[in-house]
Amino acid sequence: MMVFGGLAWFMRDMERGVVAAALADARLNANPVRPIAEVTQAVRSMKLVTVEIDTKVKVERGDVSWRGDVLASIEVPVRISYGTDLSKIDVDAVTFSQLLGTPLSSGGYVVNIPGPTRIATEVFNEADSALVQTGWLRLRSRAGEYYLGQARRSAADEARDLVLLPEDAERVDRVTKEQVRALVQSIVGDKAEVVVVVADDKKP
């Protein structure tokens, strides 16, 4: 009887220990895996997140005359770089919320970042595609080449004024978020959800 009583006491003690450990583990999992300040500093360390978009710009120049019309057009490859400056994000840019958690997670981080802005535009004139159309009294060697030169000189200005297609703008936004999310996820672990929010939801 003493053996049974001792065994029962031992089992109850083990049960209490298991329950206590489970509660402690639950409390631990309910808290951020990493301190907010540490996550914020990690995001700031990225400094500048960049995304490149390869596209093209088309420029046309020409003249209308009784001698015949002339039209010169070029299509030039362009690379536009967008950047998101994370080095000066606010101290409250990163927050932790248990509402983001799923039954298999321990909550989630919300990371607010500035919207991406254009930081560089590269124009590859050496790779352009040119087309010249001249009227019956217009010589390509003169009029055509003249307007072709005008088109090439205007390519840089046209590229700087280029507005991204909606799908390209969405890609800039998406890739920026993916880069930041991947860094934060590597810091906080897979158990915590990470949501990246672009300020004002501005599009490039």
C-alpha atoms as a PDB file:
ATOM      1  CA  MET A   1       0.000   0.000   0.000  1.00  0.00           C
ATOM      2  CA  MET A   2       2.864   2.327   0.826  1.00  0.00           C
ATOM      3  CA  VAL A   3       4.438   1.455  -2.501  1.00  0.00           C
ATOM      4  CA  PHE A   4       1.200   2.294  -4.347  1.00  0.00           C
ATOM      5  CA  GLY A   5       0.794   5.530  -2.434  1.00  0.00           C
ATOM      6  CA  GLY A   6       4.374   6.512  -3.160  1.00  0.00           C
ATOM      7  CA  LEU A   7       3.935   5.602  -6.802  1.00  0.00           C
ATOM      8  CA  ALA A   8       0.717   7.605  -7.014  1.00  0.00           C
ATOM      9  CA  TRP A   9       2.414  10.591  -5.405  1.00  0.00           C
ATOM     10  CA  PHE A  10       5.331  10.222  -7.814  1.00  0.00           C
ATOM     11  CA  MET A  11       2.971  10.033 -10.810  1.00  0.00           C
ATOM     12  CA  ARG A  12       1.014  13.079  -9.626  1.00  0.00           C
ATOM     13  CA  ASP A  13       4.280  14.972  -9.152  1.00  0.00           C
ATOM     14  CA  MET A  14       5.396  14.027 -12.652  1.00  0.00           C
ATOM     15  CA  GLU A  15       2.013  15.077 -14.034  1.00  0.00           C
ATOM     16  CA  ARG A  16       2.274  18.443 -12.287  1.00  0.00           C
ATOM     17  CA  GLY A  17       5.754  18.838 -13.706  1.00  0.00           C
ATOM     18  CA  VAL A  18       4.610  18.019 -17.220  1.00  0.00           C
ATOM     19  CA  VAL A  19       1.691  20.434 -16.951  1.00  0.00           C
ATOM     20  CA  ALA A  20       3.941  23.149 -15.548  1.00  0.00           C
ATOM     21  CA  ALA A  21       6.444  22.600 -18.348  1.00  0.00           C
ATOM     22  CA  ALA A  22       3.682  22.699 -20.928  1.00  0.00           C
ATOM     23  CA  LEU A  23       2.343  25.954 -19.483  1.00  0.00           C
ATOM     24  CA  ALA A  24       5.813  27.451 -19.426  1.00  0.00           C
ATOM     25  CA  ASP A  25       6.363  26.366 -23.005  1.00  0.00           C
ATOM     26  CA  ALA A  26       3.024  27.844 -24.019  1.00  0.00           C
ATOM     27  CA  ARG A  27       3.939  31.146 -22.352  1.00  0.00           C
ATOM     28  CA  LEU A  28       7.285  31.102 -24.108  1.00  0.00           C
ATOM     29  CA  ASN A  29       5.709  30.413 -27.472  1.00  0.00           C
ATOM     30  CA  ALA A  30       3.175  33.177 -26.895  1.00  0.00           C
ATOM     31  CA  ASN A  31       6.004  35.718 -26.711  1.00  0.00           C
ATOM     32  CA  PRO A  32       8.095  37.029 -29.605  1.00  0.00           C
ATOM     33  CA  VAL A  33      10.905  34.688 -30.579  1.00  0.00           C
ATOM     34  CA  ARG A  34      13.173  37.711 -30.886  1.00  0.00           C
ATOM     35  CA  PRO A  35      12.926  41.120 -29.173  1.00  0.00           C
ATOM     36  CA  ILE A  36      11.329  43.839 -31.284  1.00  0.00           C
ATOM     37  CA  ALA A  37      14.443  46.018 -31.036  1.00  0.00           C
ATOM     38  CA  GLU A  38      16.571  43.182 -32.409  1.00  0.00           C
ATOM     39  CA  VAL A  39      14.244  42.620 -35.354  1.00  0.00           C
ATOM     40  CA  THR A  40      14.087  46.360 -36.076  1.00  0.00           C
ATOM     41  CA  GLN A  41      17.863  46.584 -36.067  1.00  0.00           C
ATOM     42  CA  ALA A  42      18.081  43.631 -38.457  1.00  0.00           C
ATOM     43  CA  VAL A  43      15.698  45.351 -40.874  1.00  0.00           C
ATOM     44  CA  ARG A  44      17.690  48.581 -40.655  1.00  0.00           C
ATOM     45  CA  SER A  45      20.868  46.650 -41.441  1.00  0.00           C
ATOM     46  CA  MET A  46      19.503  45.896 -44.913  1.00  0.00           C
ATOM     47  CA  LYS A  47      19.860  49.655 -45.560  1.00  0.00           C
ATOM     48  CA  LEU A  48      18.716  49.688 -49.183  1.00  0.00           C
ATOM     49  CA  VAL A  49      16.537  47.020 -50.763  1.00  0.00           C
ATOM     50  CA  THR A  50      16.660  47.228 -54.564  1.00  0.00           C
ATOM     51  CA  VAL A  51      14.533  45.782 -57.342  1.00  0.00           C
ATOM     52  CA  GLU A  52      15.395  46.006 -61.055  1.00  0.00           C
ATOM     53  CA  ILE A  53      12.866  46.133 -63.878  1.00  0.00           C
ATOM     54  CA  ASP A  54      13.990  45.516 -67.472  1.00  0.00           C
ATOM     55  CA  THR A  55      11.738  47.159 -70.036  1.00  0.00           C
ATOM     56  CA  LYS A  56      11.899  49.183 -73.264  1.00  0.00           C
ATOM     57  CA  VAL A  57      11.139  52.715 -74.382  1.00  0.00           C
ATOM     58  CA  LYS A  58      10.055  53.671 -77.894  1.00  0.00           C
ATOM     59  CA  VAL A  59      10.907  57.105 -79.314  1.00  0.00           C
ATOM     60  CA  GLU A  60       9.697  58.540 -82.614  1.00  0.00           C
ATOM     61  CA  ARG A  61      10.866  61.684 -84.376  1.00  0.00           C
ATOM     62  CA  GLY A  62       9.972  62.900 -87.862  1.00  0.00           C
ATOM     63  CA  ASP A  63       8.769  65.583 -90.221  1.00  0.00           C
ATOM     64  CA  VAL A  64       5.932  66.129 -92.665  1.00  0.00           C
ATOM     65  CA  SER A  65       6.817  67.856 -95.953  1.00  0.00           C
ATOM     66  CA  TRP A  66       5.661  68.190 -99.563  1.00  0.00           C
ATOM     67  CA  ARG A  67       8.834  66.323-100.450  1.00  0.00           C
ATOM     68  CA  GLY A  68       7.604  63.345 -98.502  1.00  0.00           C
ATOM     69  CA  ASP A  69       7.313  62.452 -94.851  1.00  0.00           C
ATOM     70  CA  VAL A  70      10.117  61.054 -92.755  1.00  0.00           C
ATOM     71  CA  LEU A  71       9.716  59.020 -89.596  1.00  0.00           C
ATOM     72  CA  ALA A  72      12.536  57.627 -87.481  1.00  0.00           C
ATOM     73  CA  SER A  73      11.768  55.374 -84.528  1.00  0.00           C
ATOM     74  CA  ILE A  74      13.951  53.508 -82.058  1.00  0.00           C
ATOM     75  CA  GLU A  75      13.203  50.990 -79.344  1.00  0.00           C
ATOM     76  CA  VAL A  76      15.772  51.041 -76.564  1.00  0.00           C
ATOM     77  CA  PRO A  77      16.263  48.564 -73.674  1.00  0.00           C
ATOM     78  CA  VAL A  78      15.948  50.269 -70.300  1.00  0.00           C
ATOM     79  CA  ARG A  79      16.701  49.074 -66.779  1.00  0.00           C
ATOM     80  CA  ILE A  80      14.967  50.893 -63.938  1.00  0.00           C
ATOM     81  CA  SER A  81      16.119  50.366 -60.350  1.00  0.00           C
ATOM     82  CA  TYR A  82      13.859  50.972 -57.380  1.00  0.00           C
ATOM     83  CA  GLY A  83      15.044  51.214 -53.807  1.00  0.00           C
ATOM     84  CA  THR A  84      13.506  51.142 -50.355  1.00  0.00           C
ATOM     85  CA  ASP A  85      15.567  52.872 -47.660  1.00  0.00           C
ATOM     86  CA  LEU A  86      15.273  50.859 -44.445  1.00  0.00           C
ATOM     87  CA  SER A  87      18.179  52.445 -42.573  1.00  0.00           C
ATOM     88  CA  LYS A  88      16.008  55.079 -40.897  1.00  0.00           C
ATOM     89  CA  ILE A  89      12.769  53.252 -40.171  1.00  0.00           C
ATOM     90  CA  ASP A  90      10.976  54.325 -36.997  1.00  0.00           C
ATOM     91  CA  VAL A  91      11.367  52.444 -33.736  1.00  0.00           C
ATOM     92  CA  ASP A  92       7.708  51.443 -33.966  1.00  0.00           C
ATOM     93  CA  ALA A  93       8.048  50.141 -37.536  1.00  0.00           C
ATOM     94  CA  VAL A  94       8.098  46.568 -36.209  1.00  0.00           C
ATOM     95  CA  THR A  95       5.349  45.269 -33.936  1.00  0.00           C
ATOM     96  CA  PHE A  96       4.351  41.860 -32.635  1.00  0.00           C
ATOM     97  CA  SER A  97       0.795  40.554 -32.582  1.00  0.00           C
ATOM     98  CA  GLN A  98      -0.549  37.257 -31.317  1.00  0.00           C
ATOM     99  CA  LEU A  99      -3.602  37.827 -33.522  1.00  0.00           C
ATOM    100  CA  LEU A 100      -1.502  36.827 -36.526  1.00  0.00           C
ATOM    101  CA  GLY A 101      -0.709  33.490 -34.990  1.00  0.00           C
ATOM    102  CA  THR A 102      -2.158  30.225 -36.211  1.00  0.00           C
ATOM    103  CA  PRO A 103      -2.553  27.095 -34.030  1.00  0.00           C
ATOM    104  CA  LEU A 104       0.910  26.057 -35.241  1.00  0.00           C
ATOM    105  CA  SER A 105       2.579  29.425 -34.803  1.00  0.00           C
ATOM    106  CA  SER A 106       3.523  31.679 -31.911  1.00  0.00           C
ATOM    107  CA  GLY A 107       2.148  34.956 -33.228  1.00  0.00           C
ATOM    108  CA  GLY A 108       3.482  37.235 -35.890  1.00  0.00           C
ATOM    109  CA  TYR A 109       5.488  40.326 -36.686  1.00  0.00           C
ATOM    110  CA  VAL A 110       4.174  43.272 -38.675  1.00  0.00           C
ATOM    111  CA  VAL A 111       6.942  45.198 -40.434  1.00  0.00           C
ATOM    112  CA  ASN A 112       6.088  48.631 -41.861  1.00  0.00           C
ATOM    113  CA  ILE A 113       8.499  49.877 -44.527  1.00  0.00           C
ATOM    114  CA  PRO A 114       8.716  52.935 -46.809  1.00  0.00           C
ATOM    115  CA  GLY A 115       7.463  52.570 -50.348  1.00  0.00           C
ATOM    116  CA  PRO A 116      10.028  51.901 -53.100  1.00  0.00           C
ATOM    117  CA  THR A 117      11.187  54.870 -55.177  1.00  0.00           C
ATOM    118  CA  ARG A 118      13.142  55.086 -58.420  1.00  0.00           C
ATOM    119  CA  ILE A 119      16.873  55.468 -57.791  1.00  0.00           C
ATOM    120  CA  ALA A 120      18.416  54.848 -61.235  1.00  0.00           C
ATOM    121  CA  THR A 121      17.516  54.598 -64.916  1.00  0.00           C
ATOM    122  CA  GLU A 122      19.917  52.953 -67.357  1.00  0.00           C
ATOM    123  CA  VAL A 123      19.454  53.373 -71.110  1.00  0.00           C
ATOM    124  CA  PHE A 124      21.263  50.939 -73.425  1.00  0.00           C
ATOM    125  CA  ASN A 125      21.475  52.959 -76.635  1.00  0.00           C
ATOM    126  CA  GLU A 126      24.007  50.565 -78.120  1.00  0.00           C
ATOM    127  CA  ALA A 127      21.328  47.858 -78.211  1.00  0.00           C
ATOM    128  CA  ASP A 128      18.538  49.894 -79.799  1.00  0.00           C
ATOM    129  CA  SER A 129      16.381  48.764 -82.709  1.00  0.00           C
ATOM    130  CA  ALA A 130      16.000  51.482 -85.334  1.00  0.00           C
ATOM    131  CA  LEU A 131      13.517  51.957 -88.148  1.00  0.00           C
ATOM    132  CA  VAL A 132      13.514  54.809 -90.692  1.00  0.00           C
ATOM    133  CA  GLN A 133      10.781  55.535 -93.215  1.00  0.00           C
ATOM    134  CA  THR A 134      11.328  58.299 -95.798  1.00  0.00           C
ATOM    135  CA  GLY A 135       9.194  59.871 -98.532  1.00  0.00           C
ATOM    136  CA  TRP A 136       9.942  59.805-102.241  1.00  0.00           C
ATOM    137  CA  LEU A 137      12.180  62.926-102.228  1.00  0.00           C
ATOM    138  CA  ARG A 138      13.711  62.426 -98.791  1.00  0.00           C
ATOM    139  CA  LEU A 139      17.066  60.703 -98.527  1.00  0.00           C
ATOM    140  CA  ARG A 140      17.555  58.281 -95.647  1.00  0.00           C
ATOM    141  CA  SER A 141      21.222  59.244 -95.439  1.00  0.00           C
ATOM    142  CA  ARG A 142      20.255  62.817 -94.620  1.00  0.00           C
ATOM    143  CA  ALA A 143      16.751  63.277 -93.268  1.00  0.00           C
ATOM    144  CA  GLY A 144      16.459  59.765 -91.917  1.00  0.00           C
ATOM    145  CA  GLU A 145      19.726  59.825 -89.997  1.00  0.00           C
ATOM    146  CA  TYR A 146      19.020  63.332 -88.706  1.00  0.00           C
ATOM    147  CA  TYR A 147      15.741  62.354 -87.079  1.00  0.00           C
ATOM    148  CA  LEU A 148      17.195  59.066 -85.953  1.00  0.00           C
ATOM    149  CA  GLY A 149      19.842  61.045 -84.061  1.00  0.00           C
ATOM    150  CA  GLN A 150      17.123  63.181 -82.488  1.00  0.00           C
ATOM    151  CA  ALA A 151      15.288  60.086 -81.330  1.00  0.00           C
ATOM    152  CA  ARG A 152      18.435  58.649 -79.770  1.00  0.00           C
ATOM    153  CA  ARG A 153      19.208  61.885 -77.949  1.00  0.00           C
ATOM    154  CA  SER A 154      15.685  61.914 -76.537  1.00  0.00           C
ATOM    155  CA  ALA A 155      15.773  58.312 -75.334  1.00  0.00           C
ATOM    156  CA  ALA A 156      17.195  59.135 -71.894  1.00  0.00           C
ATOM    157  CA  ASP A 157      14.513  61.760 -71.181  1.00  0.00           C
ATOM    158  CA  GLU A 158      11.777  59.411 -72.360  1.00  0.00           C
ATOM    159  CA  ALA A 159      13.139  56.644 -70.130  1.00  0.00           C
ATOM    160  CA  ARG A 160      13.173  58.914 -67.066  1.00  0.00           C
ATOM    161  CA  ASP A 161       9.526  59.790 -67.686  1.00  0.00           C
ATOM    162  CA  LEU A 162       8.562  56.177 -68.270  1.00  0.00           C
ATOM    163  CA  VAL A 163       5.665  54.939 -66.136  1.00  0.00           C
ATOM    164  CA  LEU A 164       5.784  51.275 -65.213  1.00  0.00           C
ATOM    165  CA  LEU A 165       3.129  48.906 -66.427  1.00  0.00           C
ATOM    166  CA  PRO A 166       0.799  47.775 -63.622  1.00  0.00           C
ATOM    167  CA  GLU A 167       2.343  44.290 -63.590  1.00  0.00           C
ATOM    168  CA  ASP A 168       5.869  45.738 -63.300  1.00  0.00           C
ATOM    169  CA  ALA A 169       4.811  48.063 -60.489  1.00  0.00           C
ATOM    170  CA  GLU A 170       3.245  45.086 -58.693  1.00  0.00           C
ATOM    171  CA  ARG A 171       6.496  43.143 -59.089  1.00  0.00           C
ATOM    172  CA  VAL A 172       8.529  45.960 -57.509  1.00  0.00           C
ATOM    173  CA  ASP A 173       6.153  45.994 -54.550  1.00  0.00           C
ATOM    174  CA  ARG A 174       6.054  42.199 -54.228  1.00  0.00           C
ATOM    175  CA  VAL A 175       9.807  41.575 -54.507  1.00  0.00           C
ATOM    176  CA  THR A 176      10.548  44.351 -52.013  1.00  0.00           C
ATOM    177  CA  LYS A 177       8.211  42.718 -49.489  1.00  0.00           C
ATOM    178  CA  GLU A 178       9.678  39.266 -50.176  1.00  0.00           C
ATOM    179  CA  GLN A 179      13.227  40.444 -49.515  1.00  0.00           C
ATOM    180  CA  VAL A 180      12.309  42.076 -46.211  1.00  0.00           C
ATOM    181  CA  ARG A 181      10.114  39.145 -45.163  1.00  0.00           C
ATOM    182  CA  ALA A 182      12.903  36.632 -45.869  1.00  0.00           C
ATOM    183  CA  LEU A 183      15.351  38.539 -43.659  1.00  0.00           C
ATOM    184  CA  VAL A 184      12.910  38.875 -40.765  1.00  0.00           C
ATOM    185  CA  GLN A 185      11.884  35.220 -41.077  1.00  0.00           C
ATOM    186  CA  SER A 186      15.539  34.162 -40.804  1.00  0.00           C
ATOM    187  CA  ILE A 187      15.788  36.150 -37.569  1.00  0.00           C
ATOM    188  CA  VAL A 188      12.536  35.191 -35.835  1.00  0.00           C
ATOM    189  CA  GLY A 189      12.238  31.594 -37.054  1.00  0.00           C
ATOM    190  CA  ASP A 190       9.575  29.681 -38.916  1.00  0.00           C
ATOM    191  CA  LYS A 191       7.089  29.555 -36.053  1.00  0.00           C
ATOM    192  CA  ALA A 192       6.348  33.265 -36.226  1.00  0.00           C
ATOM    193  CA  GLU A 193       4.356  34.744 -39.077  1.00  0.00           C
ATOM    194  CA  VAL A 194       5.818  37.809 -40.821  1.00  0.00           C
ATOM    195  CA  VAL A 195       3.691  40.410 -42.601  1.00  0.00           C
ATOM    196  CA  VAL A 196       5.370  43.269 -44.491  1.00  0.00           C
ATOM    197  CA  VAL A 197       3.320  46.412 -45.122  1.00  0.00           C
ATOM    198  CA  VAL A 198       4.422  49.145 -47.539  1.00  0.00           C
ATOM    199  CA  ALA A 199       3.660  52.630 -46.207  1.00  0.00           C
ATOM    200  CA  ASP A 200       0.567  54.183 -47.784  1.00  0.00           C
ATOM    201  CA  ASP A 201       0.524  51.245 -50.203  1.00  0.00           C
ATOM    202  CA  LYS A 202       2.217  53.500 -52.786  1.00  0.00           C
ATOM    203  CA  LYS A 203       3.048  52.020 -56.160  1.00  0.00           C
ATOM    204  CA  PRO A 204       6.232  52.879 -58.097  1.00  0.00           C
END
